N, C-alpha and C. Protein backbone atom coordinates (compact mmCIF):
# COMPACT_ATOMS: atom_id res chain seq x y z
N MET A 1 -125.14 -31.72 -345.25
CA MET A 1 -125.51 -33.04 -344.60
C MET A 1 -126.81 -32.86 -343.86
N PRO A 2 -127.78 -33.69 -343.88
CA PRO A 2 -129.02 -33.54 -343.14
C PRO A 2 -128.84 -33.46 -341.67
N ARG A 3 -129.71 -32.75 -341.03
CA ARG A 3 -129.75 -32.64 -339.60
C ARG A 3 -130.98 -33.28 -339.08
N PHE A 4 -130.87 -33.84 -337.84
CA PHE A 4 -131.97 -34.52 -337.26
C PHE A 4 -132.13 -34.15 -335.79
N LEU A 5 -133.37 -33.79 -335.47
CA LEU A 5 -133.71 -33.44 -334.08
C LEU A 5 -134.09 -34.66 -333.27
N ALA A 6 -133.44 -34.90 -332.20
CA ALA A 6 -133.75 -36.07 -331.37
C ALA A 6 -134.50 -35.55 -330.12
N ILE A 7 -135.74 -36.01 -329.95
CA ILE A 7 -136.53 -35.72 -328.77
C ILE A 7 -136.50 -36.90 -327.87
N LEU A 8 -135.94 -36.78 -326.64
CA LEU A 8 -135.85 -37.94 -325.74
C LEU A 8 -137.06 -37.90 -324.83
N ASN A 9 -137.77 -38.97 -324.84
CA ASN A 9 -139.00 -39.16 -323.95
C ASN A 9 -138.70 -40.05 -322.83
N GLY A 10 -139.13 -39.66 -321.72
CA GLY A 10 -138.95 -40.38 -320.54
C GLY A 10 -140.16 -41.13 -320.11
N SER A 11 -140.04 -42.28 -319.50
CA SER A 11 -141.20 -43.08 -319.07
C SER A 11 -141.27 -43.03 -317.55
N ALA A 12 -140.21 -42.57 -316.92
CA ALA A 12 -140.25 -42.57 -315.45
C ALA A 12 -141.01 -41.43 -314.83
N GLY A 13 -141.68 -41.67 -313.77
CA GLY A 13 -142.39 -40.67 -313.06
C GLY A 13 -141.34 -39.96 -312.10
N ASP A 14 -141.82 -38.85 -311.54
CA ASP A 14 -140.91 -38.11 -310.59
C ASP A 14 -140.30 -38.96 -309.53
N ILE A 15 -141.08 -39.86 -308.93
CA ILE A 15 -140.58 -40.77 -307.95
C ILE A 15 -139.45 -41.63 -308.40
N ASP A 16 -139.60 -42.16 -309.60
CA ASP A 16 -138.53 -42.99 -310.19
C ASP A 16 -137.31 -42.20 -310.41
N ARG A 17 -137.48 -41.01 -310.98
CA ARG A 17 -136.23 -40.21 -311.25
C ARG A 17 -135.50 -39.81 -309.98
N VAL A 18 -136.25 -39.45 -308.88
CA VAL A 18 -135.71 -39.14 -307.64
C VAL A 18 -135.04 -40.34 -307.03
N GLY A 19 -135.48 -41.55 -307.33
CA GLY A 19 -134.99 -42.81 -306.85
C GLY A 19 -133.64 -43.23 -307.38
N LEU A 20 -133.12 -42.49 -308.36
CA LEU A 20 -131.83 -42.88 -308.88
C LEU A 20 -130.74 -42.54 -307.85
N THR A 21 -129.90 -43.53 -307.65
CA THR A 21 -128.78 -43.31 -306.65
C THR A 21 -127.72 -42.39 -307.33
N GLU A 22 -126.80 -41.87 -306.51
CA GLU A 22 -125.76 -41.09 -307.06
C GLU A 22 -124.92 -41.89 -307.98
N GLN A 23 -124.70 -43.21 -307.68
CA GLN A 23 -123.87 -44.10 -308.55
C GLN A 23 -124.62 -44.24 -309.85
N GLN A 24 -125.95 -44.54 -309.94
CA GLN A 24 -126.66 -44.67 -311.13
C GLN A 24 -126.55 -43.39 -311.99
N GLN A 25 -126.66 -42.21 -311.35
CA GLN A 25 -126.59 -40.98 -312.08
C GLN A 25 -125.15 -40.83 -312.66
N ALA A 26 -124.09 -41.20 -311.88
CA ALA A 26 -122.74 -41.05 -312.33
C ALA A 26 -122.50 -42.03 -313.51
N ASP A 27 -123.05 -43.26 -313.34
CA ASP A 27 -122.92 -44.29 -314.42
C ASP A 27 -123.53 -43.77 -315.71
N PHE A 28 -124.73 -43.18 -315.54
CA PHE A 28 -125.45 -42.64 -316.77
C PHE A 28 -124.60 -41.52 -317.41
N MET A 29 -124.13 -40.64 -316.60
CA MET A 29 -123.26 -39.48 -317.16
C MET A 29 -122.02 -40.08 -317.86
N THR A 30 -121.38 -41.06 -317.33
CA THR A 30 -120.18 -41.69 -317.90
C THR A 30 -120.62 -42.33 -319.28
N ALA A 31 -121.71 -43.05 -319.27
CA ALA A 31 -122.27 -43.64 -320.55
C ALA A 31 -122.54 -42.56 -321.59
N TRP A 32 -123.21 -41.53 -321.17
CA TRP A 32 -123.57 -40.40 -322.03
C TRP A 32 -122.28 -39.76 -322.64
N SER A 33 -121.31 -39.56 -321.78
CA SER A 33 -120.08 -38.91 -322.20
C SER A 33 -119.35 -39.86 -323.22
N ALA A 34 -119.33 -41.16 -323.02
CA ALA A 34 -118.74 -42.09 -323.96
C ALA A 34 -119.51 -42.06 -325.28
N TRP A 35 -120.85 -41.99 -325.24
CA TRP A 35 -121.67 -41.99 -326.39
C TRP A 35 -121.46 -40.66 -327.16
N ALA A 36 -121.34 -39.54 -326.47
CA ALA A 36 -121.11 -38.20 -327.15
C ALA A 36 -119.76 -38.25 -327.75
N GLN A 37 -118.80 -38.78 -327.09
CA GLN A 37 -117.40 -38.85 -327.68
C GLN A 37 -117.35 -39.71 -328.85
N ALA A 38 -117.99 -40.82 -328.83
CA ALA A 38 -118.02 -41.79 -329.99
C ALA A 38 -118.68 -41.14 -331.22
N HIS A 39 -119.65 -40.20 -330.99
CA HIS A 39 -120.40 -39.61 -332.06
C HIS A 39 -120.12 -38.10 -332.21
N GLN A 40 -118.94 -37.62 -331.81
CA GLN A 40 -118.70 -36.16 -331.67
C GLN A 40 -118.77 -35.55 -333.04
N THR A 41 -118.46 -36.23 -334.17
CA THR A 41 -118.53 -35.55 -335.45
C THR A 41 -120.00 -35.47 -335.87
N ALA A 42 -120.84 -36.22 -335.41
CA ALA A 42 -122.25 -36.16 -335.78
C ALA A 42 -123.08 -35.24 -334.85
N LEU A 43 -122.62 -35.05 -333.60
CA LEU A 43 -123.34 -34.33 -332.61
C LEU A 43 -123.15 -32.82 -332.77
N ILE A 44 -124.17 -32.18 -333.41
CA ILE A 44 -124.14 -30.77 -333.68
C ILE A 44 -124.51 -29.94 -332.40
N ASP A 45 -125.49 -30.48 -331.70
CA ASP A 45 -125.89 -29.82 -330.41
C ASP A 45 -126.16 -30.96 -329.45
N PRO A 46 -125.30 -31.08 -328.38
CA PRO A 46 -125.50 -32.15 -327.43
C PRO A 46 -126.89 -32.13 -326.72
N GLY A 47 -127.53 -30.96 -326.77
CA GLY A 47 -128.84 -30.82 -326.19
C GLY A 47 -128.81 -30.43 -324.78
N ALA A 48 -130.00 -30.62 -324.17
CA ALA A 48 -130.16 -30.22 -322.73
C ALA A 48 -131.53 -30.82 -322.28
N PRO A 49 -131.73 -30.74 -321.02
CA PRO A 49 -133.05 -31.18 -320.50
C PRO A 49 -134.06 -30.12 -320.90
N LEU A 50 -135.34 -30.59 -320.87
CA LEU A 50 -136.45 -29.71 -321.22
C LEU A 50 -137.33 -29.53 -319.95
N PHE A 51 -137.39 -28.28 -319.46
CA PHE A 51 -138.18 -27.96 -318.26
C PHE A 51 -139.10 -26.72 -318.49
N ARG A 52 -139.93 -26.42 -317.51
CA ARG A 52 -140.81 -25.29 -317.54
C ARG A 52 -141.40 -25.03 -318.93
N LYS A 53 -142.30 -25.84 -319.30
CA LYS A 53 -142.86 -25.88 -320.65
C LYS A 53 -144.13 -24.96 -320.70
N ARG A 54 -144.22 -24.21 -321.79
CA ARG A 54 -145.36 -23.40 -322.04
C ARG A 54 -145.75 -23.47 -323.50
N ARG A 55 -147.07 -23.59 -323.79
CA ARG A 55 -147.59 -23.59 -325.09
C ARG A 55 -148.14 -22.25 -325.41
N VAL A 56 -147.78 -21.74 -326.53
CA VAL A 56 -148.26 -20.40 -326.99
C VAL A 56 -149.25 -20.65 -328.21
N THR A 57 -150.44 -20.12 -328.05
CA THR A 57 -151.42 -20.17 -329.12
C THR A 57 -151.96 -18.75 -329.36
N ALA A 58 -152.84 -18.73 -330.37
CA ALA A 58 -153.50 -17.41 -330.64
C ALA A 58 -154.40 -17.04 -329.45
N ASP A 59 -154.85 -18.03 -328.67
CA ASP A 59 -155.69 -17.71 -327.55
C ASP A 59 -154.96 -17.40 -326.25
N GLY A 60 -153.63 -17.59 -326.29
CA GLY A 60 -152.83 -17.25 -325.07
C GLY A 60 -151.78 -18.27 -324.75
N VAL A 61 -151.33 -18.36 -323.54
CA VAL A 61 -150.14 -19.16 -323.04
C VAL A 61 -150.70 -20.07 -321.97
N GLU A 62 -150.26 -21.33 -322.00
CA GLU A 62 -150.57 -22.27 -320.92
C GLU A 62 -149.41 -23.10 -320.67
N GLU A 63 -149.23 -23.49 -319.37
CA GLU A 63 -148.22 -24.48 -318.96
C GLU A 63 -148.67 -25.89 -319.33
N PHE A 64 -147.78 -26.71 -319.65
CA PHE A 64 -148.13 -28.09 -319.92
C PHE A 64 -147.01 -29.07 -319.51
N GLU A 65 -147.43 -30.35 -319.39
CA GLU A 65 -146.41 -31.41 -319.07
C GLU A 65 -146.57 -32.43 -320.16
N ASP A 66 -145.45 -33.10 -320.47
CA ASP A 66 -145.45 -34.25 -321.39
C ASP A 66 -144.22 -35.09 -321.07
N ALA A 67 -144.04 -36.10 -321.88
CA ALA A 67 -142.92 -37.09 -321.58
C ALA A 67 -141.59 -36.56 -322.17
N LYS A 68 -141.56 -35.45 -322.89
CA LYS A 68 -140.26 -35.00 -323.49
C LYS A 68 -139.39 -34.50 -322.47
N VAL A 69 -138.21 -35.12 -322.28
CA VAL A 69 -137.29 -34.75 -321.20
C VAL A 69 -136.00 -34.04 -321.61
N ALA A 70 -135.62 -34.24 -322.91
CA ALA A 70 -134.37 -33.61 -323.43
C ALA A 70 -134.46 -33.66 -324.94
N TYR A 71 -133.39 -32.95 -325.51
CA TYR A 71 -133.28 -32.96 -326.94
C TYR A 71 -131.80 -33.00 -327.34
N ALA A 72 -131.55 -33.26 -328.58
CA ALA A 72 -130.15 -33.23 -329.12
C ALA A 72 -130.34 -33.02 -330.67
N VAL A 73 -129.28 -32.62 -331.27
CA VAL A 73 -129.33 -32.45 -332.75
C VAL A 73 -128.09 -33.20 -333.35
N VAL A 74 -128.35 -34.06 -334.29
CA VAL A 74 -127.23 -34.78 -334.91
C VAL A 74 -127.22 -34.50 -336.43
N GLU A 75 -126.13 -34.68 -337.06
CA GLU A 75 -125.97 -34.59 -338.46
C GLU A 75 -125.56 -35.94 -338.97
N ALA A 76 -126.25 -36.46 -340.01
CA ALA A 76 -125.96 -37.77 -340.50
C ALA A 76 -126.22 -37.85 -341.94
N ASP A 77 -125.66 -38.85 -342.66
CA ASP A 77 -125.80 -39.03 -344.01
C ASP A 77 -127.31 -39.42 -344.43
N SER A 78 -127.98 -40.06 -343.48
CA SER A 78 -129.39 -40.46 -343.77
C SER A 78 -130.20 -40.49 -342.49
N HIS A 79 -131.42 -40.65 -342.68
CA HIS A 79 -132.35 -40.84 -341.46
C HIS A 79 -131.97 -42.11 -340.77
N ASP A 80 -131.68 -43.18 -341.56
CA ASP A 80 -131.33 -44.46 -340.97
C ASP A 80 -129.95 -44.34 -340.13
N ASP A 81 -129.03 -43.51 -340.64
CA ASP A 81 -127.79 -43.35 -339.91
C ASP A 81 -128.06 -42.56 -338.58
N ALA A 82 -128.90 -41.65 -338.67
CA ALA A 82 -129.25 -40.85 -337.41
C ALA A 82 -129.94 -41.74 -336.41
N VAL A 83 -130.84 -42.61 -336.89
CA VAL A 83 -131.53 -43.55 -336.02
C VAL A 83 -130.48 -44.51 -335.44
N ARG A 84 -129.53 -44.93 -336.22
CA ARG A 84 -128.45 -45.89 -335.62
C ARG A 84 -127.72 -45.17 -334.51
N ILE A 85 -127.26 -43.93 -334.78
CA ILE A 85 -126.56 -43.17 -333.81
C ILE A 85 -127.27 -42.99 -332.51
N LEU A 86 -128.58 -42.56 -332.66
CA LEU A 86 -129.43 -42.39 -331.53
C LEU A 86 -129.87 -43.58 -330.81
N GLY A 87 -129.87 -44.64 -331.55
CA GLY A 87 -130.21 -45.98 -330.96
C GLY A 87 -129.25 -46.48 -330.01
N GLU A 88 -128.02 -45.92 -330.01
CA GLU A 88 -126.99 -46.20 -329.09
C GLU A 88 -126.93 -45.27 -327.82
N HIS A 89 -127.88 -44.37 -327.77
CA HIS A 89 -127.87 -43.33 -326.68
C HIS A 89 -128.20 -44.06 -325.33
N PRO A 90 -127.53 -43.76 -324.27
CA PRO A 90 -127.73 -44.43 -323.00
C PRO A 90 -129.13 -44.09 -322.34
N HIS A 91 -129.80 -43.06 -322.84
CA HIS A 91 -131.12 -42.72 -322.36
C HIS A 91 -132.07 -43.86 -322.54
N LEU A 92 -131.86 -44.66 -323.61
CA LEU A 92 -132.76 -45.83 -323.84
C LEU A 92 -132.67 -46.89 -322.78
N THR A 93 -131.60 -46.96 -321.99
CA THR A 93 -131.48 -48.00 -321.02
C THR A 93 -131.66 -47.47 -319.60
N LEU A 94 -131.85 -46.21 -319.45
CA LEU A 94 -131.99 -45.61 -318.12
C LEU A 94 -133.28 -46.09 -317.41
N PHE A 95 -134.37 -46.01 -318.13
CA PHE A 95 -135.63 -46.51 -317.62
C PHE A 95 -136.38 -47.35 -318.74
N ARG A 96 -136.94 -48.43 -318.31
CA ARG A 96 -137.75 -49.18 -319.29
C ARG A 96 -138.87 -48.33 -319.89
N GLY A 97 -138.88 -48.29 -321.22
CA GLY A 97 -139.96 -47.57 -321.85
C GLY A 97 -139.47 -46.21 -322.43
N ASN A 98 -138.25 -45.77 -322.02
CA ASN A 98 -137.74 -44.57 -322.61
C ASN A 98 -137.67 -44.69 -324.14
N SER A 99 -137.78 -43.58 -324.82
CA SER A 99 -137.71 -43.63 -326.21
C SER A 99 -137.09 -42.33 -326.77
N ILE A 100 -136.72 -42.34 -328.07
CA ILE A 100 -136.15 -41.22 -328.74
C ILE A 100 -136.86 -41.06 -330.08
N GLU A 101 -137.44 -39.84 -330.31
CA GLU A 101 -138.01 -39.47 -331.59
C GLU A 101 -136.91 -38.97 -332.46
N VAL A 102 -136.74 -39.38 -333.69
CA VAL A 102 -135.73 -38.83 -334.61
C VAL A 102 -136.40 -38.20 -335.75
N ILE A 103 -136.31 -36.88 -335.90
CA ILE A 103 -137.05 -36.08 -336.82
C ILE A 103 -136.11 -35.32 -337.72
N GLU A 104 -136.25 -35.57 -339.05
CA GLU A 104 -135.41 -34.84 -339.97
C GLU A 104 -135.71 -33.37 -340.03
N CYS A 105 -134.72 -32.53 -340.12
CA CYS A 105 -134.86 -31.12 -340.24
C CYS A 105 -134.22 -30.64 -341.47
N PRO A 106 -134.96 -30.65 -342.59
CA PRO A 106 -134.38 -30.25 -343.86
C PRO A 106 -133.98 -28.82 -343.93
N ALA A 107 -132.94 -28.47 -344.65
CA ALA A 107 -132.54 -27.18 -344.77
C ALA A 107 -133.58 -26.34 -345.64
N ILE A 108 -133.78 -25.15 -345.25
CA ILE A 108 -134.80 -24.30 -345.94
C ILE A 108 -134.01 -23.62 -347.09
N LEU A 109 -134.56 -23.83 -348.29
CA LEU A 109 -133.88 -23.27 -349.43
C LEU A 109 -134.14 -21.73 -349.51
N ASP A 110 -133.03 -21.08 -349.84
CA ASP A 110 -133.12 -19.58 -350.07
C ASP A 110 -133.67 -19.26 -351.45
């Protein structure tokens, strides 16, 4: 079954993220837990936040910042199914403008 990498993009600045109340954080975690449980058979890797980013090139290493705040990996029958599953993710409602990139990760043939 195909796997899909979900890259969660945040639109909130540091001030907005810090401004979340404990109740808002708890509500988000409850919503995330319900989403994860509803899609537990598709959720291969529930993911994690993305911090301390470094870009490695032939010229060296540099720190960088971008809007990517977390990732997850799902398995689905099709790209459309993966988009449907991730379209229900509570990340999309946490801050206006949040988004999720859904990228197919085909198996490498031996």
